[in-house]
N, C-alpha and C. Protein backbone atom coordinates (compact mmCIF):
# COMPACT_ATOMS: atom_id res chain seq x y z
N UNK A 1 50.96 137.85 147.17
CA UNK A 1 51.61 137.59 147.66
C UNK A 1 52.24 136.31 148.05
N UNK A 2 53.12 135.74 147.77
CA UNK A 2 53.66 134.12 148.16
C UNK A 2 53.11 133.94 149.54
N UNK A 3 53.00 132.54 149.30
CA UNK A 3 52.65 131.73 150.90
C UNK A 3 53.68 131.94 151.56
N UNK A 4 54.96 131.25 151.10
CA UNK A 4 56.14 131.22 152.03
C UNK A 4 57.26 132.44 151.57
N UNK A 5 58.01 132.39 152.40
CA UNK A 5 59.04 133.22 152.50
C UNK A 5 60.37 132.97 153.19
N UNK A 6 61.59 132.84 152.94
CA UNK A 6 62.63 132.19 153.07
C UNK A 6 63.53 133.32 153.16
N UNK A 7 64.13 133.73 154.14
CA UNK A 7 65.51 134.58 154.70
C UNK A 7 66.56 133.45 154.66
N UNK A 8 67.80 134.51 153.86
CA UNK A 8 68.56 133.77 153.67
C UNK A 8 69.91 134.37 153.48
N UNK A 9 71.04 134.10 153.62
CA UNK A 9 72.68 134.57 153.61
C UNK A 9 72.85 134.72 152.58
N UNK A 10 73.95 135.71 152.19
CA UNK A 10 74.70 135.62 151.04
C UNK A 10 74.86 134.25 150.15
N UNK A 11 74.10 134.26 149.09
CA UNK A 11 74.14 132.99 147.89
C UNK A 11 75.75 132.35 147.74
N UNK A 12 76.70 133.24 147.55
CA UNK A 12 77.99 132.67 147.44
C UNK A 12 78.45 131.86 149.06
N UNK A 13 78.17 132.49 149.95
CA UNK A 13 79.08 132.32 151.06
C UNK A 13 77.89 130.83 152.06
N UNK A 14 76.76 131.34 152.06
CA UNK A 14 75.46 130.60 153.18
C UNK A 14 75.27 129.24 153.01
N UNK A 15 76.32 128.12 153.50
CA UNK A 15 75.77 126.74 153.05
C UNK A 15 74.46 126.61 153.55
N UNK A 16 74.23 126.59 154.72
CA UNK A 16 73.22 126.20 155.43
C UNK A 16 71.63 127.16 154.37
N UNK A 17 72.29 128.55 154.11
CA UNK A 17 70.56 129.15 153.23
C UNK A 17 70.64 128.01 152.05
N UNK A 18 71.80 127.57 151.64
CA UNK A 18 72.07 126.79 150.55
C UNK A 18 70.82 125.47 150.50
N UNK A 19 70.94 124.80 151.58
CA UNK A 19 69.97 123.68 151.90
C UNK A 19 68.92 124.03 152.05
N UNK A 20 68.16 124.69 152.84
CA UNK A 20 67.25 124.86 153.17
C UNK A 20 66.01 125.70 151.92
N UNK A 21 67.31 125.97 151.07
CA UNK A 21 66.14 126.75 149.67
C UNK A 21 66.00 125.77 148.86
N UNK A 22 67.22 124.88 148.84
CA UNK A 22 66.81 123.43 147.51
C UNK A 22 65.69 123.08 148.35
N UNK A 23 65.36 122.38 149.52
CA UNK A 23 64.58 121.72 149.73
C UNK A 23 63.08 122.17 149.56
N UNK A 24 62.89 123.75 149.75
CA UNK A 24 61.98 124.27 149.60
C UNK A 24 61.92 124.61 148.09
N UNK A 25 62.71 124.60 146.87
CA UNK A 25 62.75 124.58 145.62
C UNK A 25 62.00 123.47 144.88
N UNK A 26 62.42 122.33 145.80
CA UNK A 26 62.14 120.71 145.19
C UNK A 26 60.68 121.07 145.34
N UNK A 27 59.80 121.64 146.37
CA UNK A 27 58.27 121.12 146.76
C UNK A 27 57.34 121.57 145.54
N UNK A 28 57.87 122.69 144.69
CA UNK A 28 57.20 123.04 143.62
C UNK A 28 56.75 124.29 144.16
N UNK A 29 56.69 124.93 145.46
CA UNK A 29 55.98 125.70 145.75
C UNK A 29 56.45 127.24 145.36
N UNK A 30 55.37 127.73 145.38
CA UNK A 30 55.80 129.45 145.39
C UNK A 30 56.46 130.44 146.13
N UNK A 31 57.13 131.45 146.21
CA UNK A 31 58.05 131.64 147.37
C UNK A 31 58.57 133.00 147.09
N UNK A 32 58.75 133.80 148.29
CA UNK A 32 59.51 134.55 147.50
C UNK A 32 60.91 134.89 149.07
N UNK A 33 62.05 135.48 148.76
CA UNK A 33 62.68 135.14 149.06
C UNK A 33 63.75 136.32 149.56
N UNK A 34 64.46 136.56 150.53
CA UNK A 34 64.85 137.89 151.50
C UNK A 34 66.61 137.47 151.50
N UNK A 35 67.70 138.08 150.98
CA UNK A 35 69.01 137.98 151.43
C UNK A 35 69.31 138.57 151.88
N UNK A 36 69.81 138.50 153.35
CA UNK A 36 70.01 139.12 154.59
C UNK A 36 71.80 139.45 154.50
N UNK A 37 72.46 140.18 153.79
CA UNK A 37 73.85 140.24 153.44
C UNK A 37 74.58 140.07 155.06
N UNK A 38 75.50 139.37 155.03
CA UNK A 38 76.36 138.34 156.24
C UNK A 38 77.46 139.59 156.49
N UNK A 39 78.01 139.32 158.14
CA UNK A 39 78.97 139.95 158.21
C UNK A 39 78.77 141.99 158.20
N UNK A 40 77.98 142.16 157.85
CA UNK A 40 77.54 143.77 158.27
C UNK A 40 77.53 144.41 159.77
N UNK A 41 77.62 145.33 159.51
CA UNK A 41 77.15 145.83 161.16
C UNK A 41 76.10 145.50 161.42
N UNK A 42 74.67 145.54 160.62
CA UNK A 42 73.16 145.18 161.08
C UNK A 42 73.10 143.59 160.78
N UNK A 43 73.96 143.06 160.22
CA UNK A 43 73.52 141.83 159.74
C UNK A 43 72.21 140.96 161.21
N UNK A 44 72.90 141.08 162.14
CA UNK A 44 72.66 140.07 163.43
C UNK A 44 70.67 140.74 163.55
N UNK A 45 70.69 142.44 163.75
CA UNK A 45 69.54 143.09 163.92
C UNK A 45 68.55 142.48 162.79
N UNK A 46 69.20 142.64 161.67
CA UNK A 46 68.34 142.30 160.41
C UNK A 46 67.72 140.72 160.68
N UNK A 47 68.57 140.03 161.13
CA UNK A 47 67.87 138.34 160.87
C UNK A 47 67.32 138.18 162.33
N UNK A 48 67.45 138.87 163.13
CA UNK A 48 66.53 138.60 164.53
C UNK A 48 64.84 139.40 163.84
N UNK A 49 64.64 139.97 163.18
CA UNK A 49 63.55 140.59 162.50
C UNK A 49 62.94 139.45 162.11
N UNK A 50 63.13 138.27 161.43
CA UNK A 50 62.78 137.25 160.87
C UNK A 50 62.78 136.07 161.66
N UNK A 51 63.95 135.87 162.34
CA UNK A 51 64.27 134.37 162.74
C UNK A 51 65.29 134.63 164.74
N UNK A 52 64.56 133.90 165.45
CA UNK A 52 64.71 133.87 167.01
C UNK A 52 65.98 133.66 166.99
N UNK A 53 66.58 132.70 166.40
CA UNK A 53 67.56 132.52 166.96
C UNK A 53 69.02 133.41 166.32
N UNK A 54 68.50 134.67 165.62
CA UNK A 54 69.76 135.44 164.85
C UNK A 54 70.19 134.74 163.99
N UNK A 55 70.01 133.53 163.30
CA UNK A 55 70.56 133.09 162.08
C UNK A 55 69.76 132.77 161.01
N UNK A 56 70.26 132.15 159.92
CA UNK A 56 69.63 132.16 158.76
C UNK A 56 70.15 130.46 158.41
N UNK A 57 69.36 129.69 157.77
CA UNK A 57 67.88 130.44 156.75
C UNK A 57 66.53 130.39 158.29
N UNK A 58 65.67 130.77 157.70
CA UNK A 58 64.27 130.58 158.55
C UNK A 58 63.30 131.00 157.23
N UNK A 59 62.21 129.78 157.54
CA UNK A 59 61.12 130.16 156.60
C UNK A 59 59.74 130.45 157.17
N UNK A 60 58.92 131.27 156.60
CA UNK A 60 57.84 132.16 157.17
C UNK A 60 56.67 131.73 156.57
N UNK A 61 56.07 131.10 156.99
CA UNK A 61 54.67 130.31 156.49
C UNK A 61 53.30 130.60 156.82
N UNK A 62 53.02 131.75 156.89
CA UNK A 62 51.98 132.50 157.46
C UNK A 62 52.60 133.06 158.38
N UNK A 63 51.80 132.46 159.61
CA UNK A 63 52.25 133.29 161.01
C UNK A 63 53.49 131.97 161.78
N UNK A 64 53.55 131.46 161.28
CA UNK A 64 54.91 130.22 161.20
C UNK A 64 56.11 130.75 160.92
N UNK A 65 56.59 130.19 161.93
CA UNK A 65 58.36 130.33 161.27
C UNK A 65 59.35 129.25 161.90
N UNK A 66 60.09 128.74 161.03
CA UNK A 66 60.98 127.57 161.06
C UNK A 66 62.41 128.43 160.97
N UNK A 67 63.01 127.88 162.08
CA UNK A 67 64.67 128.58 161.71
C UNK A 67 65.63 127.48 161.87
N UNK A 68 65.75 126.69 161.32
CA UNK A 68 66.69 125.37 161.49
C UNK A 68 66.56 124.82 160.28
N UNK A 69 67.70 124.73 159.40
CA UNK A 69 67.58 123.70 157.89
C UNK A 69 66.61 122.59 157.94
N UNK A 70 67.61 121.62 158.91
CA UNK A 70 66.88 120.30 158.99
C UNK A 70 65.35 120.41 159.36
N UNK A 71 65.26 121.44 160.27
CA UNK A 71 63.77 121.38 160.69
C UNK A 71 62.51 122.26 159.74
N UNK A 72 63.09 123.19 158.77
CA UNK A 72 63.09 123.08 157.49
C UNK A 72 62.27 122.53 156.80
N UNK A 73 63.41 121.32 156.60
CA UNK A 73 62.95 120.19 155.85
C UNK A 73 62.03 119.28 156.28
N UNK A 74 62.24 118.68 157.48
CA UNK A 74 61.27 118.35 158.07
C UNK A 74 59.70 118.75 158.08
N UNK A 75 59.37 120.28 158.04
CA UNK A 75 58.20 120.81 158.09
C UNK A 75 57.76 120.73 156.51
N UNK A 76 58.50 120.82 155.56
CA UNK A 76 57.97 121.01 154.53
C UNK A 76 57.71 119.51 153.71
N UNK A 77 58.65 118.49 154.32
CA UNK A 77 58.10 117.17 154.02
C UNK A 77 56.78 116.62 154.89
N UNK A 78 56.33 117.18 155.83
CA UNK A 78 55.08 117.01 156.15
C UNK A 78 53.83 117.80 155.55
N UNK A 79 53.97 119.29 155.09
CA UNK A 79 52.76 119.39 154.62
C UNK A 79 53.60 119.53 153.01
N UNK A 80 54.31 118.89 151.92
CA UNK A 80 54.01 118.96 150.98
C UNK A 80 54.68 116.89 150.86
N UNK A 81 53.83 116.05 151.14
CA UNK A 81 54.43 115.18 150.94
C UNK A 81 54.69 114.12 149.59
N UNK A 82 53.99 114.77 148.50
CA UNK A 82 54.29 114.23 147.16
C UNK A 82 55.24 115.02 146.96
N UNK A 83 56.06 115.86 147.35
CA UNK A 83 57.63 116.19 146.78
C UNK A 83 58.50 115.33 147.19
N UNK A 84 58.08 114.34 147.89
CA UNK A 84 59.21 112.99 148.30
C UNK A 84 60.72 113.45 148.70
N UNK A 85 60.27 114.61 150.02
CA UNK A 85 61.84 115.03 150.42
C UNK A 85 62.18 114.26 151.43
N UNK A 86 61.52 113.26 151.85
CA UNK A 86 62.26 111.64 152.43
C UNK A 86 61.99 110.67 151.57
N UNK A 87 62.83 109.52 151.46
CA UNK A 87 62.88 108.27 150.51
C UNK A 87 61.49 107.75 151.26
N UNK A 88 60.92 106.52 150.50
CA UNK A 88 59.21 106.19 151.06
C UNK A 88 59.87 105.14 151.75
N UNK A 89 60.57 104.11 151.69
CA UNK A 89 60.78 103.03 152.59
C UNK A 89 61.76 103.45 154.18
N UNK A 90 60.97 102.49 154.99
CA UNK A 90 61.66 102.88 156.31
C UNK A 90 63.05 102.63 156.18
N UNK A 91 63.71 102.03 155.91
CA UNK A 91 65.14 101.94 155.80
C UNK A 91 65.93 102.73 155.36
N UNK A 92 64.92 103.37 154.05
CA UNK A 92 66.19 104.45 153.24
C UNK A 92 65.65 105.10 153.81
N UNK A 93 64.40 105.86 154.72
CA UNK A 93 64.50 107.07 155.68
C UNK A 93 65.30 107.11 156.42
N UNK A 94 65.38 105.90 157.05
CA UNK A 94 66.41 105.98 158.40
C UNK A 94 67.97 106.42 157.86
N UNK A 95 68.23 105.50 156.73
CA UNK A 95 69.70 105.97 156.07
C UNK A 95 69.86 107.27 155.73
N UNK A 96 68.66 107.70 155.06
CA UNK A 96 69.27 109.64 154.97
C UNK A 96 68.85 110.65 155.87
N UNK A 97 67.95 109.97 156.75
CA UNK A 97 68.21 110.75 158.03
C UNK A 97 69.83 111.04 159.08
N UNK A 98 70.10 109.48 158.48
CA UNK A 98 71.39 109.54 159.25
C UNK A 98 72.31 110.18 158.76
N UNK A 99 72.56 110.01 156.99
CA UNK A 99 73.60 110.98 156.71
C UNK A 99 72.80 112.31 157.22
N UNK A 100 72.03 112.73 156.86
CA UNK A 100 71.84 114.16 156.87
C UNK A 100 72.00 114.70 158.05
N UNK A 101 71.50 113.81 159.13
CA UNK A 101 72.21 114.36 160.28
C UNK A 101 73.72 114.27 160.78
N UNK A 102 74.67 113.72 159.86
CA UNK A 102 75.85 113.36 160.35
C UNK A 102 76.32 114.59 159.47
N UNK A 103 75.88 115.08 158.26
CA UNK A 103 76.38 116.18 157.91
C UNK A 103 76.31 117.54 158.93
N UNK A 104 74.91 117.72 159.37
CA UNK A 104 74.30 118.35 159.94
C UNK A 104 75.40 119.00 161.38
N UNK A 105 75.90 117.52 161.98
CA UNK A 105 76.53 117.84 163.46
C UNK A 105 78.09 117.44 163.31
N UNK A 106 78.93 117.23 161.94
CA UNK A 106 79.86 116.77 161.77
C UNK A 106 80.62 117.78 160.77
N UNK A 107 81.93 117.07 160.43
CA UNK A 107 82.67 117.66 159.26
C UNK A 107 82.95 119.18 159.63
N UNK A 108 83.78 119.00 160.80
CA UNK A 108 84.21 121.00 161.44
C UNK A 108 85.25 120.88 160.50
N UNK A 109 86.27 119.89 160.35
CA UNK A 109 87.31 120.42 159.65
C UNK A 109 87.70 121.04 158.19
N UNK A 110 86.17 120.02 157.57
CA UNK A 110 85.72 120.66 156.39
C UNK A 110 85.30 121.94 156.47
N UNK A 111 84.58 122.08 157.01
CA UNK A 111 83.85 123.37 157.10
C UNK A 111 84.54 124.66 157.45
N UNK A 112 85.73 124.69 158.15
CA UNK A 112 86.79 125.57 158.56
C UNK A 112 87.51 125.55 157.86
N UNK A 113 87.90 125.12 157.09
CA UNK A 113 89.20 125.14 156.37
C UNK A 113 88.67 125.37 154.84
N UNK A 114 87.38 124.89 154.58
CA UNK A 114 87.41 125.12 153.20
C UNK A 114 86.09 125.38 153.02
N UNK A 115 86.03 126.91 153.35
CA UNK A 115 84.50 127.73 153.53
C UNK A 115 83.60 127.79 152.11
N UNK A 116 82.31 127.39 152.22
CA UNK A 116 81.96 127.86 150.89
C UNK A 116 82.28 128.93 149.84
N UNK A 117 82.47 129.08 148.40
CA UNK A 117 82.72 130.15 148.19
C UNK A 117 82.34 130.19 146.56
N UNK A 118 81.23 130.13 146.28
CA UNK A 118 80.69 129.42 144.69
C UNK A 118 81.43 130.22 143.78
N UNK A 119 81.59 131.48 143.49
CA UNK A 119 82.53 132.07 142.76
C UNK A 119 83.38 132.09 142.44
N UNK A 120 84.42 131.61 143.40
CA UNK A 120 85.61 131.76 143.27
C UNK A 120 86.60 130.09 142.97
N UNK A 121 87.51 130.17 142.70
CA UNK A 121 88.47 128.98 142.72
C UNK A 121 89.61 129.28 143.48
N UNK A 122 90.05 128.12 144.06
CA UNK A 122 91.57 127.87 144.94
C UNK A 122 91.89 127.03 144.90
N UNK A 123 92.41 126.35 143.70
CA UNK A 123 93.09 125.18 143.67
C UNK A 123 94.27 124.60 144.30
N UNK A 124 94.92 125.47 144.85
CA UNK A 124 96.37 125.13 145.60
C UNK A 124 96.00 124.92 147.04
N UNK A 125 95.20 125.46 147.44
CA UNK A 125 94.95 125.72 148.73
C UNK A 125 95.05 124.27 149.69
N UNK A 126 96.01 123.79 150.76
CA UNK A 126 96.14 122.97 150.94
C UNK A 126 95.29 122.23 151.61
N UNK A 127 94.99 120.72 151.75
CA UNK A 127 94.15 120.12 152.47
C UNK A 127 94.66 119.90 153.61
N UNK A 128 94.14 119.94 155.14
CA UNK A 128 94.76 119.09 156.12
C UNK A 128 94.08 118.01 156.06
N UNK A 129 95.01 117.15 156.97
CA UNK A 129 94.77 115.68 157.41
C UNK A 129 93.22 115.85 157.64
N UNK A 130 92.39 116.42 158.56
CA UNK A 130 91.51 116.45 159.27
C UNK A 130 90.30 116.71 158.22
N UNK A 131 90.91 117.72 157.06
CA UNK A 131 89.88 117.71 156.07
C UNK A 131 89.62 116.82 155.36
N UNK A 132 90.69 116.25 155.20
CA UNK A 132 90.84 115.42 154.13
C UNK A 132 90.24 114.00 154.63
N UNK A 133 90.35 113.32 155.85
CA UNK A 133 89.24 112.93 156.27
C UNK A 133 88.12 112.98 156.43
N UNK A 134 87.14 113.69 156.55
CA UNK A 134 86.08 114.05 156.23
C UNK A 134 85.27 113.98 154.75
N UNK A 135 86.37 114.49 153.59
CA UNK A 135 86.12 113.94 152.82
C UNK A 135 86.00 112.57 152.43
N UNK A 136 86.60 112.14 152.78
CA UNK A 136 87.01 110.36 152.65
C UNK A 136 85.46 110.09 153.22
N UNK A 137 84.96 110.64 154.49
CA UNK A 137 83.96 109.79 155.17
C UNK A 137 82.81 110.45 154.25
N UNK A 138 82.76 111.24 153.86
CA UNK A 138 81.82 111.97 152.85
C UNK A 138 81.35 111.02 151.55
N UNK A 139 82.73 111.02 150.84
CA UNK A 139 82.53 110.06 149.83
C UNK A 139 82.19 108.65 149.86
N UNK A 140 82.42 108.09 151.10
CA UNK A 140 81.74 106.77 151.51
C UNK A 140 80.64 106.53 151.93
N UNK A 141 79.83 107.61 152.25
CA UNK A 141 78.42 107.86 152.52
C UNK A 141 77.70 107.87 151.33
N UNK A 142 78.23 108.59 150.39
CA UNK A 142 77.79 108.80 149.07
C UNK A 142 77.42 107.32 148.55
N UNK A 143 79.03 106.71 148.54
CA UNK A 143 78.62 105.52 147.66
C UNK A 143 78.04 104.40 148.50
N UNK A 144 77.91 104.49 149.61
CA UNK A 144 77.31 103.40 150.61
C UNK A 144 75.35 103.48 149.87
N UNK A 145 75.10 104.97 150.47
CA UNK A 145 73.84 105.19 149.99
C UNK A 145 73.35 105.12 148.33
N UNK A 146 74.45 105.43 147.65
CA UNK A 146 73.85 104.88 145.92
C UNK A 146 74.06 103.54 146.07
N UNK A 147 74.76 103.04 146.67
CA UNK A 147 74.41 101.12 146.20
C UNK A 147 73.63 100.60 147.15
N UNK A 148 73.43 101.10 148.12
CA UNK A 148 72.06 100.47 148.56
C UNK A 148 70.49 100.91 148.54
N UNK A 149 70.73 102.19 148.17
CA UNK A 149 69.05 102.88 147.94
C UNK A 149 69.25 103.84 146.47
N UNK A 150 70.09 104.02 145.86
CA UNK A 150 70.11 105.10 144.69
C UNK A 150 69.62 104.21 143.19
N UNK A 151 69.63 102.74 143.14
CA UNK A 151 69.01 102.33 141.71
C UNK A 151 67.81 102.95 141.30
N UNK A 152 67.70 103.26 140.17
CA UNK A 152 66.51 103.79 139.45
C UNK A 152 66.75 105.34 139.69
N UNK A 153 67.84 106.31 139.90
CA UNK A 153 68.12 107.34 139.92
C UNK A 153 69.22 107.79 140.16
N UNK A 154 69.67 108.84 139.97
CA UNK A 154 70.80 109.72 139.84
C UNK A 154 71.39 110.31 141.19
N UNK A 155 70.90 110.36 142.52
CA UNK A 155 70.83 111.09 143.92
C UNK A 155 71.20 110.24 144.77
N UNK A 156 71.55 110.02 145.84
CA UNK A 156 71.65 109.55 146.99
C UNK A 156 70.82 108.29 147.14
N UNK A 157 69.49 108.59 147.18
CA UNK A 157 68.31 107.84 147.30
C UNK A 157 67.30 107.24 145.92
N UNK A 158 68.23 107.50 144.71
CA UNK A 158 67.36 107.52 143.54
C UNK A 158 66.62 108.93 142.79
N UNK A 159 65.81 109.41 143.57
CA UNK A 159 64.83 110.59 143.38
C UNK A 159 65.52 111.81 144.55
N UNK A 160 65.77 112.92 143.97
CA UNK A 160 66.66 114.15 145.03
C UNK A 160 65.68 114.28 146.43
N UNK A 161 66.12 114.34 147.18
CA UNK A 161 65.63 114.24 148.46
C UNK A 161 66.77 115.43 149.30
N UNK A 162 65.97 115.28 150.65
CA UNK A 162 66.63 116.44 151.88
C UNK A 162 68.16 116.42 152.09
N UNK A 163 68.07 114.84 151.50
CA UNK A 163 69.70 114.41 152.37
C UNK A 163 70.50 114.87 151.06
N UNK A 164 70.18 115.12 149.71
CA UNK A 164 71.28 115.36 148.65
C UNK A 164 71.38 116.93 148.76
N UNK A 165 69.99 117.74 149.51
CA UNK A 165 69.82 119.18 150.00
C UNK A 165 71.24 119.75 150.90
N UNK A 166 71.40 118.54 151.62
CA UNK A 166 72.65 118.79 153.00
C UNK A 166 73.62 118.76 152.57
N UNK A 167 74.12 118.14 151.35
CA UNK A 167 75.23 117.90 150.60
C UNK A 167 75.72 118.69 149.83
N UNK A 168 74.95 119.61 149.23
CA UNK A 168 74.91 120.27 148.02
C UNK A 168 75.87 121.25 147.92
N UNK A 169 76.25 121.75 149.32
CA UNK A 169 77.61 122.86 149.97
C UNK A 169 78.98 122.04 149.30
N UNK A 170 78.70 120.95 149.99
CA UNK A 170 80.24 119.92 150.02
C UNK A 170 80.22 120.12 148.72
N UNK A 171 79.62 119.32 147.65
CA UNK A 171 79.97 119.59 146.20
C UNK A 171 80.09 120.93 145.59
N UNK A 172 79.67 121.78 146.09
CA UNK A 172 80.00 123.36 146.05
C UNK A 172 81.41 123.49 146.33
N UNK A 173 81.88 123.26 147.33
CA UNK A 173 83.19 123.11 147.96
C UNK A 173 84.61 122.45 147.45
N UNK A 174 83.86 121.31 146.70
CA UNK A 174 84.79 120.30 146.29
C UNK A 174 85.03 120.64 145.00
N UNK A 175 84.47 121.48 144.14
CA UNK A 175 84.70 122.53 142.79
C UNK A 175 85.63 123.64 143.49
N UNK A 176 85.05 124.31 144.24
CA UNK A 176 86.22 125.78 144.49
C UNK A 176 87.31 125.15 144.97
N UNK A 177 87.49 124.31 145.92
CA UNK A 177 89.19 124.15 145.79
C UNK A 177 89.64 122.94 145.39
N UNK A 178 88.97 122.14 143.50
CA UNK A 178 89.75 121.39 143.23
C UNK A 178 89.87 120.22 143.89
N UNK A 179 88.88 119.63 144.48
CA UNK A 179 89.34 118.12 145.36
C UNK A 179 89.19 117.15 144.46
N UNK A 180 90.14 116.35 144.84
CA UNK A 180 89.51 114.73 143.54
C UNK A 180 88.96 113.86 144.29
N UNK A 181 87.78 113.02 143.46
CA UNK A 181 87.12 112.10 144.31
C UNK A 181 87.51 110.92 143.72
N UNK A 182 87.28 109.90 144.34
CA UNK A 182 86.88 108.41 143.39
C UNK A 182 85.84 108.77 142.14
N UNK A 183 85.69 108.08 141.08
CA UNK A 183 84.80 107.98 139.91
C UNK A 183 83.40 108.00 140.69
N UNK A 184 82.96 107.02 141.45
CA UNK A 184 81.48 106.89 141.45
C UNK A 184 81.20 108.11 142.47
N UNK A 185 81.82 108.51 143.28
CA UNK A 185 81.63 109.76 143.95
C UNK A 185 81.76 111.28 143.50
N UNK A 186 82.51 110.76 141.97
CA UNK A 186 82.42 112.15 141.52
C UNK A 186 81.18 112.35 140.66
N UNK A 187 80.86 111.25 139.93
CA UNK A 187 79.67 111.06 138.90
C UNK A 187 78.47 111.36 140.15
N UNK A 188 78.03 110.92 141.16
CA UNK A 188 76.86 111.77 141.81
C UNK A 188 76.85 113.43 142.14
N UNK A 189 78.44 113.85 142.24
CA UNK A 189 78.80 115.24 142.55
C UNK A 189 78.59 116.05 141.41
N UNK A 190 78.80 115.23 140.31
CA UNK A 190 78.51 115.89 138.86
C UNK A 190 76.91 116.28 138.95
N UNK A 191 76.47 114.81 138.93
CA UNK A 191 75.09 115.17 139.26
C UNK A 191 74.00 116.07 139.66
N UNK A 192 74.35 115.98 140.85
CA UNK A 192 74.14 116.95 141.98
C UNK A 192 74.37 118.41 141.43
N UNK A 193 75.47 118.52 141.07
CA UNK A 193 75.95 119.98 140.40
C UNK A 193 74.96 120.43 139.64
N UNK A 194 74.46 119.59 138.51
CA UNK A 194 74.03 120.43 137.58
C UNK A 194 72.42 119.96 137.79
N UNK A 195 72.00 119.61 138.91
CA UNK A 195 70.25 120.12 139.41
C UNK A 195 69.96 121.05 138.49
N UNK A 196 68.67 121.74 138.46
CA UNK A 196 68.36 123.03 137.93
C UNK A 196 68.66 124.25 139.04
N UNK A 197 68.09 123.63 140.13
CA UNK A 197 68.15 124.61 141.38
C UNK A 197 69.20 124.67 141.51
N UNK A 198 70.31 124.06 141.83
CA UNK A 198 71.27 124.25 142.25
C UNK A 198 71.83 125.37 141.26
N UNK A 199 71.79 124.88 140.04
CA UNK A 199 72.45 126.11 138.47
C UNK A 199 71.95 127.28 139.03
N UNK A 200 71.19 127.54 139.33
CA UNK A 200 69.92 128.86 139.57
C UNK A 200 70.42 129.14 140.80
N UNK A 201 70.67 128.69 141.82
CA UNK A 201 71.69 129.53 142.91
C UNK A 201 72.77 129.84 142.70
N UNK A 202 73.62 128.90 141.87
CA UNK A 202 75.14 129.15 141.26
C UNK A 202 75.05 130.57 140.63
N UNK A 203 74.36 130.94 139.80
CA UNK A 203 74.50 131.80 139.15
C UNK A 203 74.04 133.46 139.70
N UNK A 204 73.12 133.34 140.52
CA UNK A 204 72.76 134.11 141.46
C UNK A 204 73.86 134.66 142.24
N UNK A 205 74.53 133.60 143.20
CA UNK A 205 76.03 133.66 143.68
C UNK A 205 76.86 134.53 142.66
N UNK A 206 76.89 134.06 141.39
CA UNK A 206 78.32 134.91 140.85
C UNK A 206 77.84 136.01 140.71
N UNK A 207 76.22 136.33 140.57
CA UNK A 207 76.00 137.69 140.33
C UNK A 207 76.18 138.46 141.34
N UNK A 208 75.96 138.26 142.49
CA UNK A 208 76.30 139.09 143.94
C UNK A 208 77.30 139.88 144.22
N UNK A 209 77.18 141.14 145.11
CA UNK A 209 77.85 142.33 144.70
C UNK A 209 78.99 142.16 146.16
N UNK A 210 78.22 141.27 147.08
CA UNK A 210 78.69 141.58 148.52
C UNK A 210 80.39 140.28 148.69
N UNK A 211 81.23 141.00 149.58
CA UNK A 211 82.58 140.22 149.59
C UNK A 211 82.70 139.98 150.98
N UNK A 212 82.87 138.61 151.41
CA UNK A 212 83.48 138.51 152.64
C UNK A 212 84.73 138.31 152.70
N UNK A 213 85.56 139.19 153.16
CA UNK A 213 86.99 139.25 152.74
C UNK A 213 87.51 138.07 153.56
N UNK A 214 86.82 137.43 154.39
CA UNK A 214 87.64 136.31 155.56
C UNK A 214 87.90 134.98 153.99
N UNK A 215 86.76 134.70 153.53
CA UNK A 215 86.49 133.90 152.73
C UNK A 215 86.95 133.92 151.42
N UNK A 216 87.98 134.65 150.95
CA UNK A 216 88.36 134.93 149.64
C UNK A 216 90.06 135.05 150.02
N UNK A 217 90.73 133.68 149.52
CA UNK A 217 91.91 133.24 150.02
C UNK A 217 92.98 134.09 148.85
């Protein structure tokens, strides 16, 4: 029996589940996963059996339950220090937490107008000015992190961290809606997309039978 169990939503649509799953995957720990289909009549009741917030993701470790994505990342960073889920230097850690929290709390226009849908392609869906402003800010944050802290690796802080997991759903959205980026930001997005764990998740998403109509344009 696996020491960890992560409860997640549909892999095709659940951006927060992807974030926490990538963090857990990066630790190298064995884990079980349970996909709880979203938007079903029994979804909330099913989630409440595992998560007191009624939302996914949630991580179970023994008798401990952590039910929020960044909290899951912080917990894993503490118990798996060798996984380097945060950068080593204080300055880099501060920047990584800042961009992670900015993603956690912001970019509402991007979230609402361009929902995650990994297996579909909507290249002609218009981008609102507010959504484009979110995309511009995200690309600027990526460039800044890469310039200041990314030397020696392909990710925001060199090696893959919680910050990269936080932006993984954005990368999927940019591909789904065929959003153009500057060369530097695109290079980073392509690198994150080719991460083996990201490809594993995407392959599973493509094979899911569940469909949520409001995310299919």
